[in-house]
Amino acid sequence: MLLNKCLTVILASFVIGTVSVSGGEVASKNAENKLIITDKIYSNIFVRKREEHKLVVKHLLSTEDYAKRFDLLKLALKEIIRVIQEDGENLRNNNLAEGSALPKNPELVDSLARYLENTCFFGELVLHFPDMSYRILKGVDGWRDLLIRALEYTRSFVNILDQKSLEMLGLLEQEIDEGKRTDSYVNPYRE
């Protein structure tokens, strides 16, 4: 029970987490002495976040109790969808176009970071747990359209995303959008 609560807290922190710069990275400051995160710096942070997501997936894969795994996945997917909805609305309201440079406004940077990271985290979870994910998502209205738009928007940030994330998003697109599925598509994580 305690392990389950700890994992729940860890999952929530990954989903809700924001951008932070480690001591080894150099960022510039503007005239108001506020930290400005560049595309290159955030790209490095993004890769680290993706590694953390993979550790969570690995832990979920090692969880043998189906009910526990299902509950944790359900919690994560619903929270990811909430974050993508809220941050997507914030990005649209602030006219942050696909593929644009990182905004100067730190709150918008956080919003964009959560959006990109959670879209990729969603992809990892759905690809690794497709049957369980679809069982959870069938009760969530509009999830497929929301995530198709999210992955298209996310993939436009080629200056930030690493090649592995772009490939994973390509797999996710084929997994959730049958119209984009090629004849040779196989989910490499499906058991």
C-alpha atoms as a PDB file:
ATOM      1  CA  MET A   1       0.000   0.000   0.000  1.00  0.00           C
ATOM      2  CA  LEU A   2       2.814   2.411   0.896  1.00  0.00           C
ATOM      3  CA  LEU A   3       4.655   1.529  -2.335  1.00  0.00           C
ATOM      4  CA  ASN A   4       1.464   2.201  -4.290  1.00  0.00           C
ATOM      5  CA  LYS A   5       1.081   5.645  -2.667  1.00  0.00           C
ATOM      6  CA  CYS A   6       4.743   6.474  -3.313  1.00  0.00           C
ATOM      7  CA  LEU A   7       4.436   5.495  -6.973  1.00  0.00           C
ATOM      8  CA  THR A   8       1.256   7.569  -7.252  1.00  0.00           C
ATOM      9  CA  VAL A   9       3.112  10.614  -5.925  1.00  0.00           C
ATOM     10  CA  ILE A  10       6.019   9.956  -8.303  1.00  0.00           C
ATOM     11  CA  LEU A  11       3.663   9.609 -11.281  1.00  0.00           C
ATOM     12  CA  ALA A  12       1.900  12.842 -10.391  1.00  0.00           C
ATOM     13  CA  SER A  13       5.197  14.702 -10.090  1.00  0.00           C
ATOM     14  CA  PHE A  14       6.275  13.518 -13.559  1.00  0.00           C
ATOM     15  CA  VAL A  15       2.993  14.584 -15.104  1.00  0.00           C
ATOM     16  CA  ILE A  16       2.772  17.957 -13.400  1.00  0.00           C
ATOM     17  CA  GLY A  17       6.527  18.708 -13.276  1.00  0.00           C
ATOM     18  CA  THR A  18       7.878  21.910 -14.759  1.00  0.00           C
ATOM     19  CA  VAL A  19      11.127  22.996 -16.348  1.00  0.00           C
ATOM     20  CA  SER A  20      14.126  23.530 -14.129  1.00  0.00           C
ATOM     21  CA  VAL A  21      17.737  24.116 -15.058  1.00  0.00           C
ATOM     22  CA  SER A  22      20.394  22.062 -13.301  1.00  0.00           C
ATOM     23  CA  GLY A  23      23.510  23.693 -11.945  1.00  0.00           C
ATOM     24  CA  GLY A  24      25.655  22.424 -14.829  1.00  0.00           C
ATOM     25  CA  GLU A  25      23.710  24.287 -17.500  1.00  0.00           C
ATOM     26  CA  VAL A  26      24.194  27.898 -18.414  1.00  0.00           C
ATOM     27  CA  ALA A  27      21.213  30.068 -19.214  1.00  0.00           C
ATOM     28  CA  SER A  28      21.080  33.749 -19.947  1.00  0.00           C
ATOM     29  CA  LYS A  29      19.207  36.307 -17.912  1.00  0.00           C
ATOM     30  CA  ASN A  30      17.225  39.191 -19.290  1.00  0.00           C
ATOM     31  CA  ALA A  31      17.289  42.805 -18.101  1.00  0.00           C
ATOM     32  CA  GLU A  32      14.883  41.988 -15.263  1.00  0.00           C
ATOM     33  CA  ASN A  33      17.305  39.277 -14.095  1.00  0.00           C
ATOM     34  CA  LYS A  34      14.883  36.482 -15.004  1.00  0.00           C
ATOM     35  CA  LEU A  35      16.223  33.192 -16.297  1.00  0.00           C
ATOM     36  CA  ILE A  36      15.734  32.651 -20.030  1.00  0.00           C
ATOM     37  CA  ILE A  37      15.733  29.044 -21.151  1.00  0.00           C
ATOM     38  CA  THR A  38      16.906  28.531 -24.720  1.00  0.00           C
ATOM     39  CA  ASP A  39      15.791  25.800 -27.130  1.00  0.00           C
ATOM     40  CA  LYS A  40      19.131  24.020 -26.667  1.00  0.00           C
ATOM     41  CA  ILE A  41      18.931  24.053 -22.874  1.00  0.00           C
ATOM     42  CA  TYR A  42      15.335  22.875 -22.840  1.00  0.00           C
ATOM     43  CA  SER A  43      16.157  20.181 -25.402  1.00  0.00           C
ATOM     44  CA  ASN A  44      18.661  18.725 -22.911  1.00  0.00           C
ATOM     45  CA  ILE A  45      16.121  18.962 -20.093  1.00  0.00           C
ATOM     46  CA  PHE A  46      13.516  17.323 -22.332  1.00  0.00           C
ATOM     47  CA  VAL A  47      15.788  14.325 -22.998  1.00  0.00           C
ATOM     48  CA  ARG A  48      16.309  13.869 -19.248  1.00  0.00           C
ATOM     49  CA  LYS A  49      12.561  14.057 -18.610  1.00  0.00           C
ATOM     50  CA  ARG A  50      12.003  11.387 -21.260  1.00  0.00           C
ATOM     51  CA  GLU A  51      14.525   9.151 -19.497  1.00  0.00           C
ATOM     52  CA  GLU A  52      12.553   9.603 -16.271  1.00  0.00           C
ATOM     53  CA  HIS A  53       9.341   8.662 -18.110  1.00  0.00           C
ATOM     54  CA  LYS A  54      11.006   5.468 -19.314  1.00  0.00           C
ATOM     55  CA  LEU A  55      11.926   4.592 -15.726  1.00  0.00           C
ATOM     56  CA  VAL A  56       8.274   4.969 -14.713  1.00  0.00           C
ATOM     57  CA  VAL A  57       7.227   2.727 -17.623  1.00  0.00           C
ATOM     58  CA  LYS A  58       9.856   0.171 -16.580  1.00  0.00           C
ATOM     59  CA  HIS A  59       8.512   0.225 -13.035  1.00  0.00           C
ATOM     60  CA  LEU A  60       4.933  -0.219 -14.257  1.00  0.00           C
ATOM     61  CA  LEU A  61       6.065  -3.144 -16.406  1.00  0.00           C
ATOM     62  CA  SER A  62       7.629  -4.760 -13.343  1.00  0.00           C
ATOM     63  CA  THR A  63       4.422  -4.331 -11.314  1.00  0.00           C
ATOM     64  CA  GLU A  64       2.918  -7.810 -11.405  1.00  0.00           C
ATOM     65  CA  ASP A  65      -0.388  -6.928  -9.750  1.00  0.00           C
ATOM     66  CA  TYR A  66      -2.728  -6.154 -12.676  1.00  0.00           C
ATOM     67  CA  ALA A  67      -5.169  -4.143 -10.552  1.00  0.00           C
ATOM     68  CA  LYS A  68      -2.379  -1.982  -9.135  1.00  0.00           C
ATOM     69  CA  ARG A  69      -0.896  -1.414 -12.594  1.00  0.00           C
ATOM     70  CA  PHE A  70      -4.345  -0.599 -13.999  1.00  0.00           C
ATOM     71  CA  ASP A  71      -5.096   1.919 -11.230  1.00  0.00           C
ATOM     72  CA  LEU A  72      -1.732   3.658 -11.626  1.00  0.00           C
ATOM     73  CA  LEU A  73      -2.082   3.794 -15.407  1.00  0.00           C
ATOM     74  CA  LYS A  74      -5.622   5.142 -15.107  1.00  0.00           C
ATOM     75  CA  LEU A  75      -4.463   7.861 -12.725  1.00  0.00           C
ATOM     76  CA  ALA A  76      -1.561   8.804 -15.003  1.00  0.00           C
ATOM     77  CA  LEU A  77      -3.561   8.873 -18.255  1.00  0.00           C
ATOM     78  CA  LYS A  78      -6.381  10.954 -16.808  1.00  0.00           C
ATOM     79  CA  GLU A  79      -3.948  13.440 -15.266  1.00  0.00           C
ATOM     80  CA  ILE A  80      -1.942  13.649 -18.511  1.00  0.00           C
ATOM     81  CA  ILE A  81      -5.114  14.387 -20.472  1.00  0.00           C
ATOM     82  CA  ARG A  82      -6.084  17.099 -17.971  1.00  0.00           C
ATOM     83  CA  VAL A  83      -2.642  18.726 -18.235  1.00  0.00           C
ATOM     84  CA  ILE A  84      -2.674  18.574 -22.053  1.00  0.00           C
ATOM     85  CA  GLN A  85      -6.151  20.137 -22.149  1.00  0.00           C
ATOM     86  CA  GLU A  86      -5.263  22.968 -19.763  1.00  0.00           C
ATOM     87  CA  ASP A  87      -1.826  23.742 -21.171  1.00  0.00           C
ATOM     88  CA  GLY A  88      -3.067  23.384 -24.751  1.00  0.00           C
ATOM     89  CA  GLU A  89      -5.724  25.992 -24.059  1.00  0.00           C
ATOM     90  CA  ASN A  90      -3.121  28.283 -22.499  1.00  0.00           C
ATOM     91  CA  LEU A  91      -0.824  27.898 -25.531  1.00  0.00           C
ATOM     92  CA  ARG A  92      -3.696  28.595 -27.952  1.00  0.00           C
ATOM     93  CA  ASN A  93      -4.873  31.614 -25.949  1.00  0.00           C
ATOM     94  CA  ASN A  94      -1.337  33.008 -26.153  1.00  0.00           C
ATOM     95  CA  ASN A  95      -1.026  32.215 -29.876  1.00  0.00           C
ATOM     96  CA  LEU A  96       2.035  30.003 -29.483  1.00  0.00           C
ATOM     97  CA  ALA A  97       2.250  28.562 -32.982  1.00  0.00           C
ATOM     98  CA  GLU A  98       3.469  25.105 -33.908  1.00  0.00           C
ATOM     99  CA  GLY A  99       7.239  24.858 -34.071  1.00  0.00           C
ATOM    100  CA  SER A 100       7.887  28.355 -32.744  1.00  0.00           C
ATOM    101  CA  ALA A 101      10.871  29.242 -30.576  1.00  0.00           C
ATOM    102  CA  LEU A 102      10.509  28.994 -26.828  1.00  0.00           C
ATOM    103  CA  PRO A 103       8.525  31.955 -25.528  1.00  0.00           C
ATOM    104  CA  LYS A 104      10.166  34.555 -23.292  1.00  0.00           C
ATOM    105  CA  ASN A 105       7.369  34.326 -20.719  1.00  0.00           C
ATOM    106  CA  PRO A 106       8.449  31.717 -18.102  1.00  0.00           C
ATOM    107  CA  GLU A 107       4.842  30.666 -17.455  1.00  0.00           C
ATOM    108  CA  LEU A 108       4.387  29.929 -21.160  1.00  0.00           C
ATOM    109  CA  VAL A 109       7.673  28.000 -21.186  1.00  0.00           C
ATOM    110  CA  ASP A 110       6.340  25.882 -18.311  1.00  0.00           C
ATOM    111  CA  SER A 111       3.054  25.366 -20.131  1.00  0.00           C
ATOM    112  CA  LEU A 112       4.807  24.337 -23.348  1.00  0.00           C
ATOM    113  CA  ALA A 113       7.181  22.052 -21.447  1.00  0.00           C
ATOM    114  CA  ARG A 114       4.349  20.268 -19.652  1.00  0.00           C
ATOM    115  CA  TYR A 115       2.449  19.936 -22.938  1.00  0.00           C
ATOM    116  CA  LEU A 116       5.383  18.436 -24.864  1.00  0.00           C
ATOM    117  CA  GLU A 117       6.524  16.181 -22.020  1.00  0.00           C
ATOM    118  CA  ASN A 118       3.053  14.880 -21.228  1.00  0.00           C
ATOM    119  CA  THR A 119       2.265  14.193 -24.880  1.00  0.00           C
ATOM    120  CA  CYS A 120       5.383  12.031 -25.047  1.00  0.00           C
ATOM    121  CA  PHE A 121       4.661  10.399 -21.685  1.00  0.00           C
ATOM    122  CA  PHE A 122       1.158   9.569 -22.909  1.00  0.00           C
ATOM    123  CA  GLY A 123       2.732   7.979 -25.982  1.00  0.00           C
ATOM    124  CA  GLU A 124       5.059   5.812 -23.912  1.00  0.00           C
ATOM    125  CA  LEU A 125       2.189   4.612 -21.741  1.00  0.00           C
ATOM    126  CA  VAL A 126      -0.210   3.845 -24.612  1.00  0.00           C
ATOM    127  CA  LEU A 127       2.464   2.082 -26.655  1.00  0.00           C
ATOM    128  CA  HIS A 128       3.677  -0.039 -23.733  1.00  0.00           C
ATOM    129  CA  PHE A 129       0.209  -0.777 -22.321  1.00  0.00           C
ATOM    130  CA  PRO A 130      -2.117  -0.569 -25.351  1.00  0.00           C
ATOM    131  CA  ASP A 131      -4.885  -2.930 -24.255  1.00  0.00           C
ATOM    132  CA  MET A 132      -5.047  -1.561 -20.738  1.00  0.00           C
ATOM    133  CA  SER A 133      -4.849   2.035 -22.027  1.00  0.00           C
ATOM    134  CA  TYR A 134      -7.719   1.575 -24.471  1.00  0.00           C
ATOM    135  CA  ARG A 135      -9.793   0.000 -21.724  1.00  0.00           C
ATOM    136  CA  ILE A 136      -9.222   3.115 -19.608  1.00  0.00           C
ATOM    137  CA  LEU A 137      -9.576   5.636 -22.435  1.00  0.00           C
ATOM    138  CA  LYS A 138     -12.837   4.285 -23.856  1.00  0.00           C
ATOM    139  CA  GLY A 139     -14.598   6.172 -21.060  1.00  0.00           C
ATOM    140  CA  VAL A 140     -12.840   9.477 -21.820  1.00  0.00           C
ATOM    141  CA  ASP A 141     -14.689  11.596 -24.382  1.00  0.00           C
ATOM    142  CA  GLY A 142     -12.580  13.148 -27.131  1.00  0.00           C
ATOM    143  CA  TRP A 143      -9.263  11.725 -25.987  1.00  0.00           C
ATOM    144  CA  ARG A 144      -8.250  10.523 -29.455  1.00  0.00           C
ATOM    145  CA  ASP A 145      -8.826  13.880 -31.209  1.00  0.00           C
ATOM    146  CA  LEU A 146      -7.121  15.730 -28.355  1.00  0.00           C
ATOM    147  CA  LEU A 147      -4.046  13.515 -28.530  1.00  0.00           C
ATOM    148  CA  ILE A 148      -3.831  13.511 -32.323  1.00  0.00           C
ATOM    149  CA  ARG A 149      -3.726  17.324 -32.196  1.00  0.00           C
ATOM    150  CA  ALA A 150      -1.250  17.196 -29.296  1.00  0.00           C
ATOM    151  CA  LEU A 151       1.140  14.873 -31.081  1.00  0.00           C
ATOM    152  CA  GLU A 152       1.005  16.934 -34.291  1.00  0.00           C
ATOM    153  CA  TYR A 153       1.744  20.097 -32.297  1.00  0.00           C
ATOM    154  CA  THR A 154       4.473  18.371 -30.288  1.00  0.00           C
ATOM    155  CA  ARG A 155       6.185  16.929 -33.375  1.00  0.00           C
ATOM    156  CA  SER A 156       6.471  20.429 -34.836  1.00  0.00           C
ATOM    157  CA  PHE A 157       9.089  21.306 -32.193  1.00  0.00           C
ATOM    158  CA  VAL A 158      11.931  19.548 -34.009  1.00  0.00           C
ATOM    159  CA  ASN A 159      14.397  22.031 -32.508  1.00  0.00           C
ATOM    160  CA  ILE A 160      13.598  20.578 -29.075  1.00  0.00           C
ATOM    161  CA  LEU A 161      12.632  16.934 -29.511  1.00  0.00           C
ATOM    162  CA  ASP A 162      15.244  14.215 -29.851  1.00  0.00           C
ATOM    163  CA  GLN A 163      15.092  11.641 -32.653  1.00  0.00           C
ATOM    164  CA  LYS A 164      13.863   8.825 -30.378  1.00  0.00           C
ATOM    165  CA  SER A 165      10.927  10.936 -29.212  1.00  0.00           C
ATOM    166  CA  LEU A 166      10.026  11.843 -32.791  1.00  0.00           C
ATOM    167  CA  GLU A 167      10.097   8.149 -33.743  1.00  0.00           C
ATOM    168  CA  MET A 168       7.945   7.263 -30.727  1.00  0.00           C
ATOM    169  CA  LEU A 169       5.419   9.951 -31.706  1.00  0.00           C
ATOM    170  CA  GLY A 170       5.317   8.453 -35.209  1.00  0.00           C
ATOM    171  CA  LEU A 171       4.455   5.086 -33.668  1.00  0.00           C
ATOM    172  CA  LEU A 172       1.857   6.730 -31.430  1.00  0.00           C
ATOM    173  CA  GLU A 173       0.233   8.407 -34.422  1.00  0.00           C
ATOM    174  CA  GLN A 174      -0.162   5.050 -36.153  1.00  0.00           C
ATOM    175  CA  GLU A 175      -1.350   3.420 -32.939  1.00  0.00           C
ATOM    176  CA  ILE A 176      -4.155   5.898 -32.217  1.00  0.00           C
ATOM    177  CA  ASP A 177      -5.026   7.132 -35.738  1.00  0.00           C
ATOM    178  CA  GLU A 178      -5.971   4.189 -37.936  1.00  0.00           C
ATOM    179  CA  GLY A 179      -6.118   6.508 -40.968  1.00  0.00           C
ATOM    180  CA  LYS A 180      -2.356   7.073 -40.633  1.00  0.00           C
ATOM    181  CA  ARG A 181      -1.503   3.425 -39.981  1.00  0.00           C
ATOM    182  CA  THR A 182       0.763   1.828 -42.588  1.00  0.00           C
ATOM    183  CA  ASP A 183       0.390  -1.801 -43.663  1.00  0.00           C
ATOM    184  CA  SER A 184       3.707  -2.594 -42.018  1.00  0.00           C
ATOM    185  CA  TYR A 185       2.839  -0.956 -38.673  1.00  0.00           C
ATOM    186  CA  VAL A 186       3.497  -3.088 -35.622  1.00  0.00           C
ATOM    187  CA  ASN A 187       3.535  -1.765 -32.073  1.00  0.00           C
ATOM    188  CA  PRO A 188       6.956  -3.050 -30.951  1.00  0.00           C
ATOM    189  CA  TYR A 189       5.867  -3.062 -27.297  1.00  0.00           C
ATOM    190  CA  ARG A 190       2.612  -4.990 -27.678  1.00  0.00           C
ATOM    191  CA  GLU A 191       2.803  -8.362 -25.944  1.00  0.00           C
END
